[in-house]
PDB file of N, CA and C in Angstrom:
ATOM      1  N   MET A   1      66.133  94.956  63.267  1.00  0.00           N
ATOM      2  CA  MET A   1      64.937  94.787  64.248  1.00  0.00           C
ATOM      3  C   MET A   1      63.158  95.013  62.617  1.00  0.00           C
ATOM      4  N   ALA A   2      62.670  94.325  64.158  1.00  0.00           N
ATOM      5  CA  ALA A   2      61.252  93.888  63.137  1.00  0.00           C
ATOM      6  C   ALA A   2      60.293  94.782  62.751  1.00  0.00           C
ATOM      7  N   ARG A   3      60.097  95.306  61.711  1.00  0.00           N
ATOM      8  CA  ARG A   3      59.032  96.016  61.489  1.00  0.00           C
ATOM      9  C   ARG A   3      57.954  95.609  61.301  1.00  0.00           C
ATOM     10  N   ILE A   4      56.531  95.606  61.854  1.00  0.00           N
ATOM     11  CA  ILE A   4      55.330  95.378  61.788  1.00  0.00           C
ATOM     12  C   ILE A   4      54.739  96.331  61.498  1.00  0.00           C
ATOM     13  N   ALA A   5      53.076  96.848  60.555  1.00  0.00           N
ATOM     14  CA  ALA A   5      52.167  97.165  61.007  1.00  0.00           C
ATOM     15  C   ALA A   5      52.813  98.515  61.045  1.00  0.00           C
ATOM     16  N   GLY A   6      53.870  99.420  60.517  1.00  0.00           N
ATOM     17  CA  GLY A   6      54.665 100.714  60.409  1.00  0.00           C
ATOM     18  C   GLY A   6      55.516 100.764  61.969  1.00  0.00           C
ATOM     19  N   VAL A   7      55.301 100.039  63.054  1.00  0.00           N
ATOM     20  CA  VAL A   7      55.866  99.798  64.119  1.00  0.00           C
ATOM     21  C   VAL A   7      57.102  99.060  64.113  1.00  0.00           C
ATOM     22  N   ASP A   8      57.956  99.899  64.836  1.00  0.00           N
ATOM     23  CA  ASP A   8      59.422  99.021  65.137  1.00  0.00           C
ATOM     24  C   ASP A   8      59.495  97.958  66.542  1.00  0.00           C
ATOM     25  N   LEU A   9      59.110  97.194  66.548  1.00  0.00           N
ATOM     26  CA  LEU A   9      59.148  96.219  67.615  1.00  0.00           C
ATOM     27  C   LEU A   9      60.536  96.280  68.341  1.00  0.00           C
ATOM     28  N   PRO A  10      60.623  95.936  70.273  1.00  0.00           N
ATOM     29  CA  PRO A  10      61.327  96.309  70.790  1.00  0.00           C
ATOM     30  C   PRO A  10      62.034  94.972  70.466  1.00  0.00           C
ATOM     31  N   PRO A  11      63.555  95.168  70.208  1.00  0.00           N
ATOM     32  CA  PRO A  11      64.015  93.933  70.127  1.00  0.00           C
ATOM     33  C   PRO A  11      64.710  92.976  71.429  1.00  0.00           C
ATOM     34  N   ASN A  12      64.656  93.297  72.228  1.00  0.00           N
ATOM     35  CA  ASN A  12      65.054  92.545  73.258  1.00  0.00           C
ATOM     36  C   ASN A  12      63.896  92.007  74.160  1.00  0.00           C
ATOM     37  N   LYS A  13      62.841  91.763  73.611  1.00  0.00           N
ATOM     38  CA  LYS A  13      61.362  91.639  74.429  1.00  0.00           C
ATOM     39  C   LYS A  13      60.826  90.592  73.702  1.00  0.00           C
ATOM     40  N   ARG A  14      60.305  89.469  74.291  1.00  0.00           N
ATOM     41  CA  ARG A  14      59.652  87.973  73.896  1.00  0.00           C
ATOM     42  C   ARG A  14      58.540  88.602  72.653  1.00  0.00           C
ATOM     43  N   LEU A  15      58.523  87.942  71.685  1.00  0.00           N
ATOM     44  CA  LEU A  15      57.476  87.702  70.869  1.00  0.00           C
ATOM     45  C   LEU A  15      56.097  88.552  71.505  1.00  0.00           C
ATOM     46  N   TRP A  16      55.557  87.964  72.407  1.00  0.00           N
ATOM     47  CA  TRP A  16      54.756  87.681  72.494  1.00  0.00           C
ATOM     48  C   TRP A  16      53.773  89.117  73.480  1.00  0.00           C
ATOM     49  N   ILE A  17      54.928  89.774  74.405  1.00  0.00           N
ATOM     50  CA  ILE A  17      55.099  91.160  74.515  1.00  0.00           C
ATOM     51  C   ILE A  17      55.544  91.953  73.842  1.00  0.00           C
ATOM     52  N   GLY A  18      56.375  91.827  73.011  1.00  0.00           N
ATOM     53  CA  GLY A  18      56.952  92.963  71.711  1.00  0.00           C
ATOM     54  C   GLY A  18      55.841  93.146  71.028  1.00  0.00           C
ATOM     55  N   LEU A  19      54.748  92.480  70.183  1.00  0.00           N
ATOM     56  CA  LEU A  19      53.899  92.296  69.459  1.00  0.00           C
ATOM     57  C   LEU A  19      52.788  93.445  70.303  1.00  0.00           C
ATOM     58  N   THR A  20      52.927  93.349  71.633  1.00  0.00           N
ATOM     59  CA  THR A  20      51.224  94.530  71.877  1.00  0.00           C
ATOM     60  C   THR A  20      52.275  96.126  72.105  1.00  0.00           C
ATOM     61  N   ALA A  21      53.314  96.027  71.150  1.00  0.00           N
ATOM     62  CA  ALA A  21      53.359  97.562  71.294  1.00  0.00           C
ATOM     63  C   ALA A  21      52.458  97.719  69.971  1.00  0.00           C
ATOM     64  N   ILE A  22      52.092  97.194  69.043  1.00  0.00           N
ATOM     65  CA  ILE A  22      50.847  97.382  67.583  1.00  0.00           C
ATOM     66  C   ILE A  22      50.140  97.650  68.639  1.00  0.00           C
ATOM     67  N   TYR A  23      48.964  99.008  68.294  1.00  0.00           N
ATOM     68  CA  TYR A  23      48.009  99.028  68.625  1.00  0.00           C
ATOM     69  C   TYR A  23      46.560  98.308  68.434  1.00  0.00           C
ATOM     70  N   GLY A  24      46.091  97.772  69.343  1.00  0.00           N
ATOM     71  CA  GLY A  24      45.259  97.245  69.225  1.00  0.00           C
ATOM     72  C   GLY A  24      45.744  95.154  69.530  1.00  0.00           C
ATOM     73  N   ILE A  25      46.560  95.300  69.253  1.00  0.00           N
ATOM     74  CA  ILE A  25      47.738  93.951  69.719  1.00  0.00           C
ATOM     75  C   ILE A  25      47.494  93.717  71.508  1.00  0.00           C
ATOM     76  N   GLY A  26      46.773  93.142  72.165  1.00  0.00           N
ATOM     77  CA  GLY A  26      46.566  92.794  73.747  1.00  0.00           C
ATOM     78  C   GLY A  26      47.921  91.049  73.617  1.00  0.00           C
ATOM     79  N   GLN A  27      47.724  90.846  74.565  1.00  0.00           N
ATOM     80  CA  GLN A  27      48.863  89.369  75.128  1.00  0.00           C
ATOM     81  C   GLN A  27      48.069  88.744  74.896  1.00  0.00           C
ATOM     82  N   GLN A  28      46.752  88.320  74.616  1.00  0.00           N
ATOM     83  CA  GLN A  28      46.224  87.014  74.314  1.00  0.00           C
ATOM     84  C   GLN A  28      46.056  86.805  72.841  1.00  0.00           C
ATOM     85  N   ARG A  29      45.662  87.936  72.207  1.00  0.00           N
ATOM     86  CA  ARG A  29      46.030  88.200  70.510  1.00  0.00           C
ATOM     87  C   ARG A  29      47.014  87.940  70.076  1.00  0.00           C
ATOM     88  N   ALA A  30      48.558  88.326  71.154  1.00  0.00           N
ATOM     89  CA  ALA A  30      49.942  87.896  70.401  1.00  0.00           C
ATOM     90  C   ALA A  30      50.099  86.862  70.492  1.00  0.00           C
ATOM     91  N   ARG A  31      49.466  86.141  71.585  1.00  0.00           N
ATOM     92  CA  ARG A  31      49.711  84.781  71.224  1.00  0.00           C
ATOM     93  C   ARG A  31      49.206  83.834  70.340  1.00  0.00           C
ATOM     94  N   ASP A  32      47.980  84.122  70.203  1.00  0.00           N
ATOM     95  CA  ASP A  32      47.467  83.560  69.158  1.00  0.00           C
ATOM     96  C   ASP A  32      47.292  84.237  67.641  1.00  0.00           C
ATOM     97  N   LEU A  33      47.729  85.085  67.467  1.00  0.00           N
ATOM     98  CA  LEU A  33      48.679  85.463  66.156  1.00  0.00           C
ATOM     99  C   LEU A  33      49.836  84.608  66.551  1.00  0.00           C
ATOM    100  N   ALA A  34      50.974  84.535  67.402  1.00  0.00           N
ATOM    101  CA  ALA A  34      52.517  83.714  67.208  1.00  0.00           C
ATOM    102  C   ALA A  34      51.431  82.295  67.111  1.00  0.00           C
ATOM    103  N   ALA A  35      50.897  81.710  67.247  1.00  0.00           N
ATOM    104  CA  ALA A  35      50.713  80.568  67.282  1.00  0.00           C
ATOM    105  C   ALA A  35      50.052  80.050  65.829  1.00  0.00           C
ATOM    106  N   LYS A  36      48.867  81.152  65.250  1.00  0.00           N
ATOM    107  CA  LYS A  36      48.572  80.908  63.999  1.00  0.00           C
ATOM    108  C   LYS A  36      49.821  81.265  62.831  1.00  0.00           C
ATOM    109  N   ALA A  37      50.737  82.141  63.158  1.00  0.00           N
ATOM    110  CA  ALA A  37      52.152  82.247  62.596  1.00  0.00           C
ATOM    111  C   ALA A  37      53.384  81.055  62.410  1.00  0.00           C
ATOM    112  N   HIS A  38      52.814  80.121  63.108  1.00  0.00           N
ATOM    113  CA  HIS A  38      53.686  79.161  63.422  1.00  0.00           C
ATOM    114  C   HIS A  38      54.988  79.590  64.344  1.00  0.00           C
ATOM    115  N   VAL A  39      55.070  80.641  64.933  1.00  0.00           N
ATOM    116  CA  VAL A  39      56.062  80.862  65.632  1.00  0.00           C
ATOM    117  C   VAL A  39      56.216  80.925  67.239  1.00  0.00           C
ATOM    118  N   ASP A  40      57.193  80.326  68.240  1.00  0.00           N
ATOM    119  CA  ASP A  40      57.312  80.655  69.546  1.00  0.00           C
ATOM    120  C   ASP A  40      56.843  81.505  70.036  1.00  0.00           C
ATOM    121  N   PRO A  41      55.850  81.906  70.470  1.00  0.00           N
ATOM    122  CA  PRO A  41      56.117  83.524  71.784  1.00  0.00           C
ATOM    123  C   PRO A  41      57.458  83.906  72.473  1.00  0.00           C
ATOM    124  N   SER A  42      57.755  82.577  72.858  1.00  0.00           N
ATOM    125  CA  SER A  42      58.456  82.991  73.582  1.00  0.00           C
ATOM    126  C   SER A  42      60.129  83.275  73.623  1.00  0.00           C
ATOM    127  N   LYS A  43      60.185  83.013  71.950  1.00  0.00           N
ATOM    128  CA  LYS A  43      61.414  83.154  71.348  1.00  0.00           C
ATOM    129  C   LYS A  43      61.415  84.998  71.169  1.00  0.00           C
ATOM    130  N   LYS A  44      62.633  85.570  71.255  1.00  0.00           N
ATOM    131  CA  LYS A  44      62.850  86.994  71.310  1.00  0.00           C
ATOM    132  C   LYS A  44      62.913  87.518  70.236  1.00  0.00           C
ATOM    133  N   ILE A  45      62.776  89.092  69.962  1.00  0.00           N
ATOM    134  CA  ILE A  45      62.048  89.446  68.912  1.00  0.00           C
ATOM    135  C   ILE A  45      63.206  89.764  67.807  1.00  0.00           C
ATOM    136  N   LYS A  46      64.484  89.751  68.260  1.00  0.00           N
ATOM    137  CA  LYS A  46      65.742  90.206  67.536  1.00  0.00           C
ATOM    138  C   LYS A  46      66.643  88.760  66.909  1.00  0.00           C
ATOM    139  N   ASP A  47      65.821  87.499  67.537  1.00  0.00           N
ATOM    140  CA  ASP A  47      66.351  86.478  66.965  1.00  0.00           C
ATOM    141  C   ASP A  47      65.121  85.748  65.863  1.00  0.00           C
ATOM    142  N   LEU A  48      64.282  86.573  65.530  1.00  0.00           N
ATOM    143  CA  LEU A  48      63.352  86.142  65.014  1.00  0.00           C
ATOM    144  C   LEU A  48      63.761  86.219  63.240  1.00  0.00           C
ATOM    145  N   THR A  49      63.470  85.085  62.418  1.00  0.00           N
ATOM    146  CA  THR A  49      63.878  85.009  60.968  1.00  0.00           C
ATOM    147  C   THR A  49      63.493  85.833  60.009  1.00  0.00           C
ATOM    148  N   GLU A  50      63.479  86.592  58.883  1.00  0.00           N
ATOM    149  CA  GLU A  50      62.507  87.293  57.901  1.00  0.00           C
ATOM    150  C   GLU A  50      61.278  86.310  57.563  1.00  0.00           C
ATOM    151  N   ASP A  51      61.646  85.065  58.137  1.00  0.00           N
ATOM    152  CA  ASP A  51      60.060  83.559  57.254  1.00  0.00           C
ATOM    153  C   ASP A  51      59.272  84.177  58.574  1.00  0.00           C
ATOM    154  N   GLU A  52      60.154  84.086  59.065  1.00  0.00           N
ATOM    155  CA  GLU A  52      59.351  84.187  60.924  1.00  0.00           C
ATOM    156  C   GLU A  52      58.509  85.805  60.996  1.00  0.00           C
ATOM    157  N   VAL A  53      59.122  86.519  60.292  1.00  0.00           N
ATOM    158  CA  VAL A  53      58.879  87.778  60.421  1.00  0.00           C
ATOM    159  C   VAL A  53      57.040  88.080  59.433  1.00  0.00           C
ATOM    160  N   ALA A  54      57.605  87.928  58.066  1.00  0.00           N
ATOM    161  CA  ALA A  54      56.599  87.619  56.950  1.00  0.00           C
ATOM    162  C   ALA A  54      55.321  86.888  57.229  1.00  0.00           C
ATOM    163  N   ARG A  55      55.638  85.649  58.285  1.00  0.00           N
ATOM    164  CA  ARG A  55      54.698  84.921  58.484  1.00  0.00           C
ATOM    165  C   ARG A  55      53.610  86.149  59.573  1.00  0.00           C
ATOM    166  N   LEU A  56      54.373  86.353  60.446  1.00  0.00           N
ATOM    167  CA  LEU A  56      53.399  87.290  61.333  1.00  0.00           C
ATOM    168  C   LEU A  56      52.784  88.548  60.625  1.00  0.00           C
ATOM    169  N   ARG A  57      53.220  89.234  59.820  1.00  0.00           N
ATOM    170  CA  ARG A  57      53.207  90.322  59.240  1.00  0.00           C
ATOM    171  C   ARG A  57      51.847  89.907  58.543  1.00  0.00           C
ATOM    172  N   ALA A  58      51.541  88.363  57.735  1.00  0.00           N
ATOM    173  CA  ALA A  58      50.569  88.310  56.816  1.00  0.00           C
ATOM    174  C   ALA A  58      49.419  87.555  57.977  1.00  0.00           C
ATOM    175  N   ALA A  59      49.926  87.389  59.296  1.00  0.00           N
ATOM    176  CA  ALA A  59      48.849  86.651  59.715  1.00  0.00           C
ATOM    177  C   ALA A  59      47.928  87.882  60.641  1.00  0.00           C
ATOM    178  N   ILE A  60      48.811  88.685  60.867  1.00  0.00           N
ATOM    179  CA  ILE A  60      48.657  90.047  61.535  1.00  0.00           C
ATOM    180  C   ILE A  60      47.108  90.905  60.371  1.00  0.00           C
ATOM    181  N   GLU A  61      47.805  90.975  59.023  1.00  0.00           N
ATOM    182  CA  GLU A  61      47.360  91.568  58.245  1.00  0.00           C
ATOM    183  C   GLU A  61      45.539  90.700  57.764  1.00  0.00           C
ATOM    184  N   SER A  62      45.724  89.324  58.103  1.00  0.00           N
ATOM    185  CA  SER A  62      44.406  89.010  57.659  1.00  0.00           C
ATOM    186  C   SER A  62      43.397  88.893  59.071  1.00  0.00           C
ATOM    187  N   GLU A  63      44.436  88.783  60.112  1.00  0.00           N
ATOM    188  CA  GLU A  63      43.075  89.051  61.503  1.00  0.00           C
ATOM    189  C   GLU A  63      42.306  89.918  61.501  1.00  0.00           C
ATOM    190  N   GLY A  64      42.500  91.495  61.405  1.00  0.00           N
ATOM    191  CA  GLY A  64      42.055  92.052  61.503  1.00  0.00           C
ATOM    192  C   GLY A  64      42.023  93.719  61.714  1.00  0.00           C
ATOM    193  N   ARG A  65      42.015  94.676  61.835  1.00  0.00           N
ATOM    194  CA  ARG A  65      42.049  96.047  62.604  1.00  0.00           C
ATOM    195  C   ARG A  65      43.305  96.164  63.490  1.00  0.00           C
ATOM    196  N   ILE A  66      44.474  96.921  62.648  1.00  0.00           N
ATOM    197  CA  ILE A  66      45.242  97.487  63.934  1.00  0.00           C
ATOM    198  C   ILE A  66      45.550  98.628  63.549  1.00  0.00           C
ATOM    199  N   GLU A  67      46.723  99.461  64.967  1.00  0.00           N
ATOM    200  CA  GLU A  67      47.030 100.643  64.332  1.00  0.00           C
ATOM    201  C   GLU A  67      46.077 101.947  63.772  1.00  0.00           C
ATOM    202  N   GLY A  68      46.480 102.227  62.585  1.00  0.00           N
ATOM    203  CA  GLY A  68      45.747 103.603  62.062  1.00  0.00           C
ATOM    204  C   GLY A  68      44.471 103.023  61.448  1.00  0.00           C
ATOM    205  N   ASP A  69      44.321 101.950  61.209  1.00  0.00           N
ATOM    206  CA  ASP A  69      42.346 101.746  60.666  1.00  0.00           C
ATOM    207  C   ASP A  69      41.842 101.692  62.277  1.00  0.00           C
ATOM    208  N   LEU A  70      42.235 101.252  63.651  1.00  0.00           N
ATOM    209  CA  LEU A  70      41.245 100.403  64.144  1.00  0.00           C
ATOM    210  C   LEU A  70      41.317 102.065  65.135  1.00  0.00           C
ATOM    211  N   ARG A  71      41.969 103.130  64.880  1.00  0.00           N
ATOM    212  CA  ARG A  71      41.977 104.421  65.346  1.00  0.00           C
ATOM    213  C   ARG A  71      41.059 105.599  64.839  1.00  0.00           C
ATOM    214  N   LYS A  72      41.456 105.182  63.498  1.00  0.00           N
ATOM    215  CA  LYS A  72      40.231 105.839  63.214  1.00  0.00           C
ATOM    216  C   LYS A  72      38.625 105.256  62.984  1.00  0.00           C
ATOM    217  N   GLU A  73      38.568 104.214  63.027  1.00  0.00           N
ATOM    218  CA  GLU A  73      37.430 103.270  63.106  1.00  0.00           C
ATOM    219  C   GLU A  73      36.703 104.107  64.851  1.00  0.00           C
ATOM    220  N   ILE A  74      37.415 104.146  65.975  1.00  0.00           N
ATOM    221  CA  ILE A  74      37.344 104.582  67.071  1.00  0.00           C
ATOM    222  C   ILE A  74      36.747 105.545  67.054  1.00  0.00           C
ATOM    223  N   GLN A  75      37.337 107.218  66.576  1.00  0.00           N
ATOM    224  CA  GLN A  75      37.255 108.484  66.262  1.00  0.00           C
ATOM    225  C   GLN A  75      35.859 108.294  65.415  1.00  0.00           C
ATOM    226  N   MET A  76      35.951 108.133  64.570  1.00  0.00           N
ATOM    227  CA  MET A  76      34.473 107.863  63.642  1.00  0.00           C
ATOM    228  C   MET A  76      33.273 107.304  64.378  1.00  0.00           C
ATOM    229  N   ASN A  77      33.603 106.194  65.350  1.00  0.00           N
ATOM    230  CA  ASN A  77      32.340 106.118  66.447  1.00  0.00           C
ATOM    231  C   ASN A  77      31.959 107.376  67.232  1.00  0.00           C
ATOM    232  N   ILE A  78      32.837 107.924  67.482  1.00  0.00           N
ATOM    233  CA  ILE A  78      32.735 109.104  68.676  1.00  0.00           C
ATOM    234  C   ILE A  78      32.140 110.332  68.071  1.00  0.00           C
ATOM    235  N   ARG A  79      32.509 110.406  66.742  1.00  0.00           N
ATOM    236  CA  ARG A  79      32.193 111.732  65.846  1.00  0.00           C
ATOM    237  C   ARG A  79      30.942 111.162  65.948  1.00  0.00           C
ATOM    238  N   ARG A  80      30.260 110.594  65.409  1.00  0.00           N
ATOM    239  CA  ARG A  80      29.261 109.647  65.030  1.00  0.00           C
ATOM    240  C   ARG A  80      28.608 110.327  66.345  1.00  0.00           C
ATOM    241  N   LEU A  81      28.816 109.428  67.401  1.00  0.00           N
ATOM    242  CA  LEU A  81      27.956 109.705  68.639  1.00  0.00           C
ATOM    243  C   LEU A  81      27.656 111.159  69.281  1.00  0.00           C
ATOM    244  N   ILE A  82      28.632 112.055  68.641  1.00  0.00           N
ATOM    245  CA  ILE A  82      28.450 113.300  69.009  1.00  0.00           C
ATOM    246  C   ILE A  82      27.724 114.352  68.211  1.00  0.00           C
ATOM    247  N   GLU A  83      27.607 113.682  66.431  1.00  0.00           N
ATOM    248  CA  GLU A  83      26.679 114.100  65.584  1.00  0.00           C
ATOM    249  C   GLU A  83      25.287 114.172  65.948  1.00  0.00           C
ATOM    250  N   ILE A  84      25.024 113.078  66.464  1.00  0.00           N
ATOM    251  CA  ILE A  84      23.583 112.265  66.682  1.00  0.00           C
ATOM    252  C   ILE A  84      23.017 113.278  67.834  1.00  0.00           C
ATOM    253  N   GLN A  85      24.159 113.662  68.912  1.00  0.00           N
ATOM    254  CA  GLN A  85      23.866 114.534  70.015  1.00  0.00           C
ATOM    255  C   GLN A  85      23.091 113.702  71.353  1.00  0.00           C
ATOM    256  N   CYS A  86      23.893 112.080  71.129  1.00  0.00           N
ATOM    257  CA  CYS A  86      23.263 111.345  72.082  1.00  0.00           C
ATOM    258  C   CYS A  86      23.898 111.700  73.539  1.00  0.00           C
ATOM    259  N   TYR A  87      23.264 111.248  74.669  1.00  0.00           N
ATOM    260  CA  TYR A  87      24.134 111.531  75.419  1.00  0.00           C
ATOM    261  C   TYR A  87      25.589 111.519  75.652  1.00  0.00           C
ATOM    262  N   ARG A  88      25.990 109.743  75.163  1.00  0.00           N
ATOM    263  CA  ARG A  88      27.551 109.871  75.402  1.00  0.00           C
ATOM    264  C   ARG A  88      28.179 110.398  74.045  1.00  0.00           C
ATOM    265  N   GLY A  89      27.528 110.920  73.627  1.00  0.00           N
ATOM    266  CA  GLY A  89      28.175 112.343  72.944  1.00  0.00           C
ATOM    267  C   GLY A  89      28.472 113.337  73.178  1.00  0.00           C
ATOM    268  N   LEU A  90      27.374 114.120  73.943  1.00  0.00           N
ATOM    269  CA  LEU A  90      27.361 114.671  74.940  1.00  0.00           C
ATOM    270  C   LEU A  90      28.680 114.750  75.807  1.00  0.00           C
ATOM    271  N   ARG A  91      29.100 113.815  76.494  1.00  0.00           N
ATOM    272  CA  ARG A  91      29.546 113.927  77.865  1.00  0.00           C
ATOM    273  C   ARG A  91      30.545 113.622  76.910  1.00  0.00           C
ATOM    274  N   HIS A  92      31.136 112.918  75.499  1.00  0.00           N
ATOM    275  CA  HIS A  92      32.446 113.064  75.304  1.00  0.00           C
ATOM    276  C   HIS A  92      32.922 114.673  74.971  1.00  0.00           C
ATOM    277  N   ARG A  93      31.529 115.064  74.106  1.00  0.00           N
ATOM    278  CA  ARG A  93      31.964 116.650  73.955  1.00  0.00           C
ATOM    279  C   ARG A  93      32.439 117.632  75.023  1.00  0.00           C
ATOM    280  N   ARG A  94      31.595 117.550  76.411  1.00  0.00           N
ATOM    281  CA  ARG A  94      32.194 117.679  77.249  1.00  0.00           C
ATOM    282  C   ARG A  94      33.352 117.749  78.108  1.00  0.00           C
ATOM    283  N   ASN A  95      34.094 116.812  77.846  1.00  0.00           N
ATOM    284  CA  ASN A  95      35.126 116.068  78.113  1.00  0.00           C
ATOM    285  C   ASN A  95      34.887 115.099  79.804  1.00  0.00           C
ATOM    286  N   LEU A  96      33.536 114.917  79.913  1.00  0.00           N
ATOM    287  CA  LEU A  96      33.352 114.427  81.270  1.00  0.00           C
ATOM    288  C   LEU A  96      33.517 112.645  81.031  1.00  0.00           C
ATOM    289  N   PRO A  97      33.378 112.040  81.856  1.00  0.00           N
ATOM    290  CA  PRO A  97      32.939 110.552  81.987  1.00  0.00           C
ATOM    291  C   PRO A  97      31.861 110.217  80.938  1.00  0.00           C
ATOM    292  N   VAL A  98      32.244 109.181  80.430  1.00  0.00           N
ATOM    293  CA  VAL A  98      30.840 108.507  79.499  1.00  0.00           C
ATOM    294  C   VAL A  98      30.178 107.521  79.860  1.00  0.00           C
ATOM    295  N   ARG A  99      30.725 106.647  81.131  1.00  0.00           N
ATOM    296  CA  ARG A  99      29.907 105.662  81.091  1.00  0.00           C
ATOM    297  C   ARG A  99      29.445 105.598  82.701  1.00  0.00           C
ATOM    298  N   GLY A 100      29.401 106.537  83.080  1.00  0.00           N
ATOM    299  CA  GLY A 100      28.284 106.299  84.485  1.00  0.00           C
ATOM    300  C   GLY A 100      28.899 107.046  85.631  1.00  0.00           C
ATOM    301  N   GLN A 101      29.624 107.441  85.557  1.00  0.00           N
ATOM    302  CA  GLN A 101      30.826 107.227  87.208  1.00  0.00           C
ATOM    303  C   GLN A 101      30.268 108.601  87.252  1.00  0.00           C
ATOM    304  N   ARG A 102      30.877 108.727  88.983  1.00  0.00           N
ATOM    305  CA  ARG A 102      29.896 110.181  89.473  1.00  0.00           C
ATOM    306  C   ARG A 102      31.685 111.054  88.627  1.00  0.00           C
ATOM    307  N   THR A 103      30.270 112.131  89.242  1.00  0.00           N
ATOM    308  CA  THR A 103      31.630 113.254  88.793  1.00  0.00           C
ATOM    309  C   THR A 103      31.111 114.291  89.456  1.00  0.00           C
ATOM    310  N   HIS A 104      30.261 114.365  90.953  1.00  0.00           N
ATOM    311  CA  HIS A 104      30.866 115.073  92.051  1.00  0.00           C
ATOM    312  C   HIS A 104      32.281 115.334  92.716  1.00  0.00           C
ATOM    313  N   THR A 105      32.956 114.094  93.243  1.00  0.00           N
ATOM    314  CA  THR A 105      33.940 114.388  93.501  1.00  0.00           C
ATOM    315  C   THR A 105      34.899 113.015  92.527  1.00  0.00           C
ATOM    316  N   ASN A 106      36.211 112.605  92.248  1.00  0.00           N
ATOM    317  CA  ASN A 106      36.788 112.375  91.777  1.00  0.00           C
ATOM    318  C   ASN A 106      36.252 112.833  90.008  1.00  0.00           C
ATOM    319  N   ALA A 107      36.746 111.868  89.256  1.00  0.00           N
ATOM    320  CA  ALA A 107      36.676 112.256  87.800  1.00  0.00           C
ATOM    321  C   ALA A 107      38.119 113.044  87.263  1.00  0.00           C
ATOM    322  N   ARG A 108      38.938 113.085  87.958  1.00  0.00           N
ATOM    323  CA  ARG A 108      39.956 114.093  87.816  1.00  0.00           C
ATOM    324  C   ARG A 108      40.879 113.406  86.602  1.00  0.00           C
ATOM    325  N   THR A 109      40.923 112.520  86.472  1.00  0.00           N
ATOM    326  CA  THR A 109      41.526 112.246  85.109  1.00  0.00           C
ATOM    327  C   THR A 109      40.561 112.693  83.912  1.00  0.00           C
ATOM    328  N   ARG A 110      39.448 112.963  83.599  1.00  0.00           N
ATOM    329  CA  ARG A 110      38.950 113.050  82.490  1.00  0.00           C
ATOM    330  C   ARG A 110      38.733 114.733  82.391  1.00  0.00           C
ATOM    331  N   LYS A 111      38.317 115.181  83.593  1.00  0.00           N
ATOM    332  CA  LYS A 111      37.575 116.562  83.729  1.00  0.00           C
ATOM    333  C   LYS A 111      39.394 117.444  83.803  1.00  0.00           C
ATOM    334  N   GLY A 112      40.145 117.302  84.368  1.00  0.00           N
ATOM    335  CA  GLY A 112      41.579 118.026  84.507  1.00  0.00           C
ATOM    336  C   GLY A 112      41.802 118.419  86.094  1.00  0.00           C
ATOM    337  N   PRO A 113      42.866 119.336  86.265  1.00  0.00           N
ATOM    338  CA  PRO A 113      43.048 120.126  87.033  1.00  0.00           C
ATOM    339  C   PRO A 113      41.870 120.457  87.967  1.00  0.00           C
ATOM    340  N   ARG A 114      41.742 120.552  89.391  1.00  0.00           N
ATOM    341  CA  ARG A 114      40.684 121.453  89.743  1.00  0.00           C
ATOM    342  C   ARG A 114      40.812 122.958  89.577  1.00  0.00           C
ATOM    343  N   LYS A 115      39.560 123.573  89.474  1.00  0.00           N
ATOM    344  CA  LYS A 115      40.183 125.059  88.912  1.00  0.00           C
ATOM    345  C   LYS A 115      40.207 125.935  90.230  1.00  0.00           C
ATOM    346  N   GLY A 116      40.885 127.190  90.221  1.00  0.00           N
ATOM    347  CA  GLY A 116      41.484 127.551  91.555  1.00  0.00           C
ATOM    348  C   GLY A 116      40.342 128.290  91.496  1.00  0.00           C
ATOM    349  N   ALA A 117      39.332 128.748  91.150  1.00  0.00           N
ATOM    350  CA  ALA A 117      38.886 130.122  91.721  1.00  0.00           C
ATOM    351  C   ALA A 117      38.784 130.835  92.974  1.00  0.00           C
ATOM    352  N   ILE A 118      38.580 129.881  94.358  1.00  0.00           N
ATOM    353  CA  ILE A 118      38.434 130.299  95.093  1.00  0.00           C
ATOM    354  C   ILE A 118      39.884 130.811  95.737  1.00  0.00           C
ATOM    355  N   ALA A 119      41.044 129.794  95.571  1.00  0.00           N
ATOM    356  CA  ALA A 119      42.459 130.198  96.373  1.00  0.00           C
ATOM    357  C   ALA A 119      42.575 131.300  95.526  1.00  0.00           C
ATOM    358  N   ALA A 120      42.098 131.787  94.190  1.00  0.00           N
ATOM    359  CA  ALA A 120      42.825 132.830  93.447  1.00  0.00           C
ATOM    360  C   ALA A 120      42.025 134.305  94.045  1.00  0.00           C
ATOM    361  N   LYS A 121      41.237 133.739  94.467  1.00  0.00           N
ATOM    362  CA  LYS A 121      40.248 134.927  95.749  1.00  0.00           C
ATOM    363  C   LYS A 121      41.133 135.381  96.731  1.00  0.00           C
ATOM    364  N   LYS A 122      41.477 134.079  97.270  1.00  0.00           N
ATOM    365  CA  LYS A 122      42.073 134.311  98.516  1.00  0.00           C
ATOM    366  C   LYS A 122      43.432 135.070  98.383  1.00  0.00           C
ATOM    367  N   LYS A 123      44.371 134.304  97.817  1.00  0.00           N
ATOM    368  CA  LYS A 123      45.253 135.554  96.989  1.00  0.00           C
ATOM    369  C   LYS A 123      45.765 136.929  97.080  1.00  0.00           C
ATOM    370  N   VAL A 124      44.598 137.350  96.171  1.00  0.00           N
ATOM    371  CA  VAL A 124      44.114 138.871  95.957  1.00  0.00           C
ATOM    372  C   VAL A 124      43.501 139.699  96.852  1.00  0.00           C
ATOM    373  N   MET A 125      42.792 138.980  97.967  1.00  0.00           N
ATOM    374  CA  MET A 125      42.583 139.640  98.995  1.00  0.00           C
ATOM    375  C   MET A 125      43.495 139.705 100.181  1.00  0.00           C
ATOM    376  N   ALA A 126      44.601 138.983 100.219  1.00  0.00           N
ATOM    377  CA  ALA A 126      45.538 139.053 101.176  1.00  0.00           C
ATOM    378  C   ALA A 126      46.547 139.953 100.199  1.00  0.00           C
ATOM    379  N   ARG A 127      46.606 140.312  99.239  1.00  0.00           N
ATOM    380  CA  ARG A 127      47.718 141.647  98.947  1.00  0.00           C
ATOM    381  C   ARG A 127      47.128 142.308  99.507  1.00  0.00           C
ATOM    382  N   LYS A 128      46.014 143.361  99.923  1.00  0.00           N
ATOM    383  CA  LYS A 128      45.269 144.487  99.912  1.00  0.00           C
ATOM    384  C   LYS A 128      45.522 144.904 100.790  1.00  0.00           C
TER     385      LYS A 128
END
């Protein structure tokens, strides 16, 4: 089993799909990394040799931020927006959509389930 950047790659998948299990690597970046490491991207991960895994590891490390470093950087950017109290920071703090979407209707993914205040009142009234 190949372990790169602290992530166990799924052994039965092809290399260019399996690399997407690493946070910060999408399909195109996975293909580019495979080409840079001189590894066939359509090869299954379980069929990779130790030399190929080492070359991939080196290519990924030289490429840039992934996994923990990338997550930390994104969180720091959000914290900065919240601290300077810009509009985007306020939207993050209130758990509302940040990029200008409407919230009168929709936005349920970000806002969570509807508050059932009216439905709860009806239930209380019906009991009496």
